[in-house]
N, C-alpha and C. Protein backbone atom coordinates (compact mmCIF):
# COMPACT_ATOMS: atom_id res chain seq x y z
N UNK A 1 53.85 82.86 110.39
CA UNK A 1 55.61 83.18 110.60
C UNK A 1 56.10 82.13 110.33
N UNK A 2 57.51 82.11 110.09
CA UNK A 2 58.14 81.13 110.14
C UNK A 2 59.45 81.19 111.01
N UNK A 3 59.41 80.65 111.37
CA UNK A 3 60.60 80.13 112.86
C UNK A 3 61.78 80.23 112.74
N UNK A 4 61.79 79.43 111.29
CA UNK A 4 63.38 79.37 111.02
C UNK A 4 63.65 81.14 110.71
N UNK A 5 62.82 81.55 109.63
CA UNK A 5 63.39 83.46 109.67
C UNK A 5 63.68 83.75 110.70
N UNK A 6 62.67 83.90 111.25
CA UNK A 6 62.67 84.61 112.88
C UNK A 6 63.82 84.26 113.46
N UNK A 7 64.49 83.02 113.12
CA UNK A 7 65.48 83.06 113.86
C UNK A 7 66.80 83.18 113.67
N UNK A 8 67.07 83.62 112.83
CA UNK A 8 68.73 83.62 111.31
C UNK A 8 67.81 85.24 111.98
N UNK A 9 67.01 85.97 111.51
CA UNK A 9 67.49 87.57 111.61
C UNK A 9 67.76 87.58 113.60
N UNK A 10 67.10 87.56 114.14
CA UNK A 10 67.62 87.35 115.67
C UNK A 10 69.15 87.01 115.68
N UNK A 11 69.24 86.32 115.00
CA UNK A 11 70.83 85.74 115.24
C UNK A 11 71.57 86.66 114.66
N UNK A 12 71.53 87.23 113.13
CA UNK A 12 72.61 87.95 112.42
C UNK A 12 71.72 89.65 113.32
N UNK A 13 70.78 89.46 113.76
CA UNK A 13 70.82 90.95 114.71
C UNK A 13 72.08 90.47 116.27
N UNK A 14 72.02 89.60 116.67
CA UNK A 14 72.71 89.47 117.94
C UNK A 14 74.25 89.50 117.79
N UNK A 15 74.57 88.85 116.24
CA UNK A 15 76.02 88.80 115.84
C UNK A 15 76.56 90.47 115.78
N UNK A 16 75.61 90.83 114.56
CA UNK A 16 75.64 92.50 114.70
C UNK A 16 76.33 93.11 115.52
N UNK A 17 75.25 92.69 116.38
CA UNK A 17 75.50 93.59 117.80
C UNK A 17 76.79 93.46 118.40
N UNK A 18 77.46 91.98 119.13
CA UNK A 18 78.14 91.41 119.28
C UNK A 18 79.64 92.38 118.38
N UNK A 19 79.68 92.72 117.56
CA UNK A 19 80.50 92.95 116.36
C UNK A 19 80.61 94.29 116.71
N UNK A 20 79.62 94.27 116.63
CA UNK A 20 79.18 96.70 116.67
C UNK A 20 80.03 97.03 118.42
N UNK A 21 79.93 95.92 119.84
CA UNK A 21 79.80 95.81 120.61
C UNK A 21 81.41 95.74 121.47
N UNK A 22 81.65 95.11 120.38
CA UNK A 22 84.07 95.04 120.37
C UNK A 22 84.19 95.82 119.89
N UNK A 23 83.75 96.68 118.60
CA UNK A 23 84.85 97.72 118.21
C UNK A 23 84.06 99.08 118.45
N UNK A 24 84.80 100.15 118.21
CA UNK A 24 84.66 101.79 118.60
C UNK A 24 84.14 102.33 117.06
N UNK A 25 84.23 101.85 116.37
CA UNK A 25 84.29 102.29 115.22
C UNK A 25 82.52 102.74 113.50
N UNK A 26 81.66 102.27 114.62
CA UNK A 26 80.73 101.59 114.25
C UNK A 26 80.18 101.23 112.24
N UNK A 27 81.06 99.99 113.17
CA UNK A 27 81.68 98.73 111.62
C UNK A 27 79.64 98.01 111.16
N UNK A 28 79.13 97.96 112.35
CA UNK A 28 78.07 97.07 111.67
C UNK A 28 76.72 97.38 112.29
N UNK A 29 76.72 98.91 112.80
CA UNK A 29 75.04 99.22 113.56
C UNK A 29 74.76 99.53 112.35
N UNK A 30 74.77 99.33 111.28
CA UNK A 30 73.98 99.94 110.78
C UNK A 30 73.16 99.11 109.41
N UNK A 31 73.79 97.57 109.74
CA UNK A 31 73.78 95.88 109.39
C UNK A 31 72.65 95.54 110.37
N UNK A 32 73.02 95.61 111.82
CA UNK A 32 72.14 95.63 113.07
C UNK A 32 70.95 96.03 112.94
N UNK A 33 70.34 96.90 112.75
CA UNK A 33 69.69 98.23 112.05
C UNK A 33 68.86 97.17 111.67
N UNK A 34 69.40 97.29 110.09
CA UNK A 34 68.25 96.57 108.77
C UNK A 34 68.29 95.14 109.52
N UNK A 35 68.91 94.12 110.17
CA UNK A 35 68.69 93.08 110.54
C UNK A 35 67.47 93.23 112.15
N UNK A 36 67.38 94.14 112.14
CA UNK A 36 65.80 93.82 113.68
C UNK A 36 64.84 94.10 112.12
N UNK A 37 64.48 95.09 111.64
CA UNK A 37 63.63 96.03 110.68
C UNK A 37 63.26 94.11 110.40
N UNK A 38 64.53 93.43 110.15
CA UNK A 38 63.75 92.74 108.63
C UNK A 38 63.08 91.32 109.72
N UNK A 39 63.64 91.30 111.28
CA UNK A 39 63.38 90.29 112.44
C UNK A 39 61.76 91.03 112.03
N UNK A 40 61.76 91.93 112.57
CA UNK A 40 60.16 92.46 112.91
C UNK A 40 59.34 92.37 111.45
N UNK A 41 59.69 92.46 110.33
CA UNK A 41 58.53 92.04 109.15
C UNK A 41 58.70 90.19 109.31
N UNK A 42 60.06 89.64 109.96
CA UNK A 42 59.23 87.92 110.09
C UNK A 42 58.64 87.61 110.97
N UNK A 43 58.47 88.48 111.64
CA UNK A 43 57.11 88.03 113.12
C UNK A 43 56.03 88.57 112.91
N UNK A 44 55.64 89.18 111.65
CA UNK A 44 54.99 89.64 111.03
C UNK A 44 54.56 88.80 110.09
N UNK A 45 54.99 87.76 109.20
CA UNK A 45 55.12 86.90 108.67
C UNK A 45 55.16 87.58 106.83
N UNK A 46 55.70 88.29 107.06
CA UNK A 46 56.29 89.03 105.81
C UNK A 46 56.88 88.26 104.74
N UNK A 47 56.88 88.15 103.45
CA UNK A 47 57.99 87.33 102.86
C UNK A 47 58.98 87.18 103.01
N UNK A 48 60.15 85.95 102.50
CA UNK A 48 61.82 86.40 102.71
C UNK A 48 62.12 87.71 101.80
N UNK A 49 61.03 87.73 100.43
CA UNK A 49 62.11 88.19 99.49
C UNK A 49 61.88 89.42 99.76
N UNK A 50 60.68 89.92 100.58
CA UNK A 50 60.22 91.18 101.48
C UNK A 50 61.54 92.01 102.74
N UNK A 51 62.08 90.62 103.64
CA UNK A 51 62.32 90.53 104.99
C UNK A 51 64.37 90.44 104.10
N UNK A 52 64.68 90.95 102.70
CA UNK A 52 65.80 90.94 102.58
C UNK A 52 66.21 91.61 101.61
N UNK A 53 64.98 92.08 101.65
CA UNK A 53 64.99 93.63 100.78
C UNK A 53 65.44 94.93 101.50
N UNK A 54 64.47 94.82 102.95
CA UNK A 54 63.98 95.45 103.51
C UNK A 54 65.56 95.75 104.81
N UNK A 55 66.26 94.46 104.26
CA UNK A 55 67.43 94.35 105.79
C UNK A 55 68.67 95.41 104.29
N UNK A 56 68.59 94.91 103.49
CA UNK A 56 69.36 95.63 102.29
C UNK A 56 69.49 97.12 102.60
N UNK A 57 67.43 97.03 102.19
CA UNK A 57 67.53 98.94 101.83
C UNK A 57 68.14 99.63 103.39
N UNK A 58 67.56 98.96 104.35
CA UNK A 58 67.77 99.95 106.12
C UNK A 58 69.87 99.66 106.26
N UNK A 59 69.88 99.06 106.00
CA UNK A 59 70.97 99.08 106.22
C UNK A 59 72.15 99.75 105.01
N UNK A 60 72.01 100.19 103.92
CA UNK A 60 72.72 100.50 102.84
C UNK A 60 72.04 101.98 103.29
N UNK A 61 70.77 102.54 103.29
CA UNK A 61 70.59 103.77 103.55
C UNK A 61 70.70 104.26 104.84
N UNK A 62 71.01 103.52 105.66
CA UNK A 62 71.95 103.58 107.20
C UNK A 62 73.30 104.44 106.78
N UNK A 63 73.62 103.53 106.36
CA UNK A 63 75.56 103.68 106.64
C UNK A 63 76.00 105.12 105.71
N UNK A 64 74.56 105.03 104.13
CA UNK A 64 75.08 105.96 102.93
C UNK A 64 75.07 107.22 104.02
N UNK A 65 73.78 107.43 104.52
CA UNK A 65 73.29 109.11 105.09
C UNK A 65 73.88 108.83 106.15
N UNK A 66 74.36 108.14 107.41
CA UNK A 66 75.05 108.18 108.56
C UNK A 66 76.28 108.35 109.26
N UNK A 67 76.93 107.30 108.41
CA UNK A 67 78.38 107.19 108.54
C UNK A 67 79.17 108.47 107.88
N UNK A 68 79.11 108.82 107.00
CA UNK A 68 80.09 110.27 107.06
C UNK A 68 79.76 111.37 108.15
N UNK A 69 78.84 111.76 108.35
CA UNK A 69 78.13 112.07 109.38
C UNK A 69 78.46 111.56 110.71
N UNK A 70 78.56 110.63 110.65
CA UNK A 70 79.25 110.63 112.50
C UNK A 70 80.26 110.12 112.55
N UNK A 71 81.01 109.75 111.03
CA UNK A 71 83.16 109.46 112.10
C UNK A 71 83.04 111.42 111.79
N UNK A 72 82.41 112.15 110.97
CA UNK A 72 84.06 113.50 111.70
C UNK A 72 83.67 113.06 113.30
N UNK A 73 82.33 113.16 113.80
CA UNK A 73 82.08 113.61 115.83
C UNK A 73 82.44 112.43 116.16
N UNK A 74 83.45 111.03 115.51
CA UNK A 74 84.06 110.54 116.40
C UNK A 74 85.00 109.72 116.52
N UNK A 75 85.80 110.70 115.10
CA UNK A 75 87.72 110.64 115.09
C UNK A 75 87.89 111.11 115.27
N UNK A 76 89.27 110.67 116.28
CA UNK A 76 89.94 111.61 117.53
C UNK A 76 90.72 112.93 116.07
N UNK A 77 90.58 113.85 117.36
CA UNK A 77 90.73 115.19 116.75
C UNK A 77 93.14 115.03 116.68
N UNK A 78 93.11 115.18 115.28
CA UNK A 78 94.52 115.64 115.16
C UNK A 78 95.69 116.85 115.95
N UNK A 79 96.12 116.61 116.40
CA UNK A 79 96.15 118.41 117.59
C UNK A 79 97.65 118.83 116.57
N UNK A 80 97.37 119.28 115.48
CA UNK A 80 98.96 119.70 114.85
C UNK A 80 99.82 120.96 115.92
N UNK A 81 100.91 120.38 114.96
CA UNK A 81 101.98 121.22 116.17
C UNK A 81 102.71 121.93 114.79
N UNK A 82 103.52 122.72 115.76
CA UNK A 82 104.56 123.97 114.88
C UNK A 82 105.53 123.26 114.44
N UNK A 83 105.80 121.35 115.18
CA UNK A 83 107.06 121.05 114.23
C UNK A 83 107.34 120.77 112.61
N UNK A 84 105.41 120.42 111.92
CA UNK A 84 105.52 119.92 111.03
C UNK A 84 105.67 121.30 109.90
N UNK A 85 106.36 122.09 110.13
CA UNK A 85 107.22 123.55 109.79
C UNK A 85 108.19 123.43 109.74
N UNK A 86 108.96 122.62 110.10
CA UNK A 86 109.82 123.10 110.10
C UNK A 86 110.43 121.85 108.35
N UNK A 87 109.07 121.28 108.47
CA UNK A 87 109.82 119.82 107.30
C UNK A 87 110.35 120.98 105.77
N UNK A 88 110.90 121.03 105.24
CA UNK A 88 111.87 121.89 104.19
C UNK A 88 112.35 122.97 104.15
N UNK A 89 112.77 122.63 105.74
CA UNK A 89 113.95 124.30 106.71
C UNK A 89 114.95 123.72 106.38
N UNK A 90 115.58 124.64 105.94
CA UNK A 90 117.09 124.67 106.22
C UNK A 90 117.94 124.62 107.62
N UNK A 91 118.70 123.71 107.77
CA UNK A 91 119.56 123.84 109.22
C UNK A 91 120.93 123.62 108.80
N UNK A 92 121.45 124.01 110.11
CA UNK A 92 123.17 123.72 109.98
C UNK A 92 123.53 122.25 110.77
N UNK A 93 124.32 122.09 110.94
CA UNK A 93 124.40 120.94 111.86
C UNK A 93 125.59 121.21 112.70
N UNK A 94 125.19 121.10 113.81
CA UNK A 94 126.28 121.81 115.31
C UNK A 94 126.82 120.40 115.39
N UNK A 95 126.54 119.28 115.74
CA UNK A 95 127.38 117.66 115.95
C UNK A 95 126.96 116.86 115.58
N UNK A 96 127.94 116.63 114.45
CA UNK A 96 128.10 115.77 113.06
C UNK A 96 127.18 114.29 113.84
N UNK A 97 126.36 113.93 112.16
CA UNK A 97 124.75 112.99 112.22
C UNK A 97 125.58 112.00 111.98
N UNK A 98 125.56 110.96 113.06
CA UNK A 98 126.08 109.28 112.54
C UNK A 98 125.08 108.54 112.87
N UNK A 99 124.64 108.60 111.98
CA UNK A 99 123.49 107.49 112.50
C UNK A 99 123.75 105.66 113.15
N UNK A 100 125.00 105.65 112.80
CA UNK A 100 125.81 104.38 113.74
C UNK A 100 126.11 104.43 114.80
N UNK A 101 125.84 105.79 115.71
CA UNK A 101 126.48 106.38 116.74
C UNK A 101 125.53 106.85 117.51
N UNK A 102 124.04 106.73 116.94
CA UNK A 102 123.12 107.84 117.23
C UNK A 102 123.48 109.44 117.43
N UNK A 103 123.80 109.96 116.90
CA UNK A 103 124.23 111.10 117.02
C UNK A 103 124.08 112.00 116.13
N UNK A 104 124.10 113.84 116.61
CA UNK A 104 123.83 113.93 115.39
C UNK A 104 122.75 115.67 116.40
N UNK A 105 123.19 116.17 116.31
CA UNK A 105 122.38 117.87 116.76
C UNK A 105 122.84 119.36 115.05
N UNK A 106 120.59 119.11 115.08
CA UNK A 106 121.32 120.04 114.11
C UNK A 106 120.59 121.67 114.51
N UNK A 107 120.85 123.02 114.40
CA UNK A 107 120.15 123.87 114.66
C UNK A 107 119.24 124.87 113.59
N UNK A 108 118.42 124.55 113.59
CA UNK A 108 117.03 125.28 112.51
C UNK A 108 116.51 126.23 113.36
N UNK A 109 116.41 128.04 113.15
CA UNK A 109 115.68 128.82 113.72
C UNK A 109 115.62 129.17 114.93
N UNK A 110 117.26 128.44 115.60
CA UNK A 110 118.18 128.81 116.61
C UNK A 110 117.57 128.00 117.29
N UNK A 111 116.37 127.31 116.99
CA UNK A 111 116.37 125.60 118.08
C UNK A 111 117.34 124.67 117.65
N UNK A 112 117.59 123.91 118.81
CA UNK A 112 118.60 122.73 117.98
C UNK A 112 118.10 121.31 118.40
N UNK A 113 117.93 120.61 117.89
CA UNK A 113 117.52 119.35 117.59
C UNK A 113 118.00 118.25 117.14
N UNK A 114 117.33 117.16 117.78
CA UNK A 114 118.21 115.76 117.44
C UNK A 114 118.34 115.43 116.20
N UNK A 115 119.59 114.75 115.23
CA UNK A 115 118.94 114.52 113.93
C UNK A 115 119.44 113.42 114.23
N UNK A 116 118.81 112.93 112.17
CA UNK A 116 119.10 111.77 111.96
C UNK A 116 119.30 112.37 110.55
N UNK A 117 120.17 110.93 109.10
CA UNK A 117 120.30 111.00 108.48
C UNK A 117 119.22 110.03 107.73
N UNK A 118 118.85 110.64 107.01
CA UNK A 118 117.44 110.38 105.98
C UNK A 118 118.60 108.36 105.19
N UNK A 119 119.12 108.98 104.44
CA UNK A 119 119.75 108.55 104.03
C UNK A 119 120.65 107.17 104.11
N UNK A 120 121.39 107.76 105.90
CA UNK A 120 121.78 106.76 106.59
C UNK A 120 123.46 107.00 106.25
N UNK A 121 124.00 108.49 105.76
CA UNK A 121 125.29 108.83 105.72
C UNK A 121 125.80 109.35 106.92
N UNK A 122 127.16 109.26 107.14
CA UNK A 122 127.77 111.10 107.75
C UNK A 122 127.17 112.09 107.74
N UNK A 123 127.08 112.96 108.20
CA UNK A 123 127.35 114.07 108.18
C UNK A 123 127.89 115.11 109.08
N UNK A 124 128.77 115.93 108.66
CA UNK A 124 129.69 116.76 109.07
C UNK A 124 129.06 118.34 109.65
N UNK A 125 130.28 118.35 110.90
CA UNK A 125 129.65 119.82 111.16
C UNK A 125 129.82 120.97 110.68
N UNK A 126 128.99 122.20 110.72
CA UNK A 126 128.63 123.03 109.79
C UNK A 126 127.79 122.92 108.48
N UNK A 127 127.60 121.78 108.01
CA UNK A 127 126.84 121.12 106.83
C UNK A 127 125.84 122.13 107.03
N UNK A 128 125.25 122.31 105.60
CA UNK A 128 123.60 122.28 105.89
C UNK A 128 122.89 121.39 105.34
N UNK A 129 121.88 121.04 106.32
CA UNK A 129 120.58 119.91 106.04
C UNK A 129 119.56 121.06 106.01
N UNK A 130 118.63 119.62 104.70
CA UNK A 130 117.26 120.42 104.86
C UNK A 130 116.75 118.87 105.02
N UNK A 131 115.46 119.62 106.65
CA UNK A 131 114.38 118.72 107.41
C UNK A 131 113.75 118.02 106.04
N UNK A 132 113.58 116.83 106.13
CA UNK A 132 112.16 116.05 105.33
C UNK A 132 111.44 115.46 106.42
N UNK A 133 111.47 115.44 107.59
CA UNK A 133 110.25 114.36 108.57
C UNK A 133 110.88 114.47 109.46
N UNK A 134 109.42 114.81 110.55
CA UNK A 134 110.09 114.80 111.75
C UNK A 134 109.79 113.63 112.64
N UNK A 135 110.25 113.19 113.63
CA UNK A 135 110.77 111.92 113.74
C UNK A 135 110.30 111.81 115.15
N UNK A 136 109.74 111.79 115.68
CA UNK A 136 109.30 112.51 117.70
C UNK A 136 109.57 113.15 117.90
N UNK A 137 110.53 113.08 118.30
CA UNK A 137 111.61 114.80 119.06
C UNK A 137 113.23 114.66 117.83
N UNK A 138 112.91 113.94 116.70
CA UNK A 138 113.88 113.84 115.70
C UNK A 138 113.74 114.44 114.84
N UNK A 139 115.11 115.16 113.76
CA UNK A 139 114.51 115.62 112.65
C UNK A 139 114.79 114.32 111.83
N UNK A 140 115.07 114.80 110.37
CA UNK A 140 115.31 113.24 109.71
C UNK A 140 115.31 114.62 108.85
N UNK A 141 117.05 114.50 108.43
CA UNK A 141 117.98 115.40 107.14
C UNK A 141 118.18 114.94 106.31
N UNK A 142 118.33 115.21 105.16
CA UNK A 142 119.23 115.13 103.99
C UNK A 142 120.43 116.66 103.89
N UNK A 143 121.52 116.51 103.40
CA UNK A 143 122.33 117.23 102.34
C UNK A 143 121.85 117.69 102.15
N UNK A 144 121.79 119.59 102.32
CA UNK A 144 121.08 120.14 100.94
C UNK A 144 121.96 120.34 100.15
N UNK A 145 121.21 121.20 98.52
CA UNK A 145 122.08 120.82 97.60
C UNK A 145 123.62 122.02 98.00
N UNK A 146 123.08 122.90 98.26
CA UNK A 146 124.27 124.63 98.84
C UNK A 146 125.35 123.46 99.40
N UNK A 147 124.92 122.88 100.29
CA UNK A 147 126.72 122.10 100.89
C UNK A 147 127.22 121.06 100.06
N UNK A 148 126.71 120.63 99.57
CA UNK A 148 127.02 119.43 98.68
C UNK A 148 127.68 120.10 97.34
N UNK A 149 127.43 120.96 97.16
CA UNK A 149 128.29 122.04 95.72
C UNK A 149 129.63 122.46 96.29
N UNK A 150 128.84 122.71 97.85
CA UNK A 150 130.58 123.46 98.58
C UNK A 150 131.42 122.04 99.17
N UNK A 151 131.19 121.43 99.59
CA UNK A 151 131.60 120.35 99.93
C UNK A 151 132.62 119.37 98.94
N UNK A 152 131.69 119.85 97.20
CA UNK A 152 132.65 119.18 96.04
C UNK A 152 133.74 119.86 95.65
N UNK A 153 134.24 120.67 96.07
CA UNK A 153 134.09 122.37 95.58
C UNK A 153 135.86 121.52 96.30
């Protein structure tokens, strides 16, 4: 038994253990298991090439087999909201949209939303807008093509 090899694998195990303990995303548990197997082989007097090979194989196999399976159980669930369905819908400006004044309101499907202009331009009352995205409780809108054509006439 080579004590240097045992010490190296013991230190590697502790480092991977501390790295795993400081995160919650299963970063190094695979390498911790590989280091443990290599440590056991070193304690039994196995050759260094065997220790390194087993470390790599055990770590790689555990990573490949279990990470995708465990990841779906440890990922936070994203709760979909109905607000996402508003993207692409047309609304009517009920209060002039002015990003500098932090003002603006749009009526979409009979619901009033605080609104901001995606391009930063002011949009007058009565203009039709299309929802580009939602940020918190505000819709980010652009002037709809039909409104742009009407305002040019």
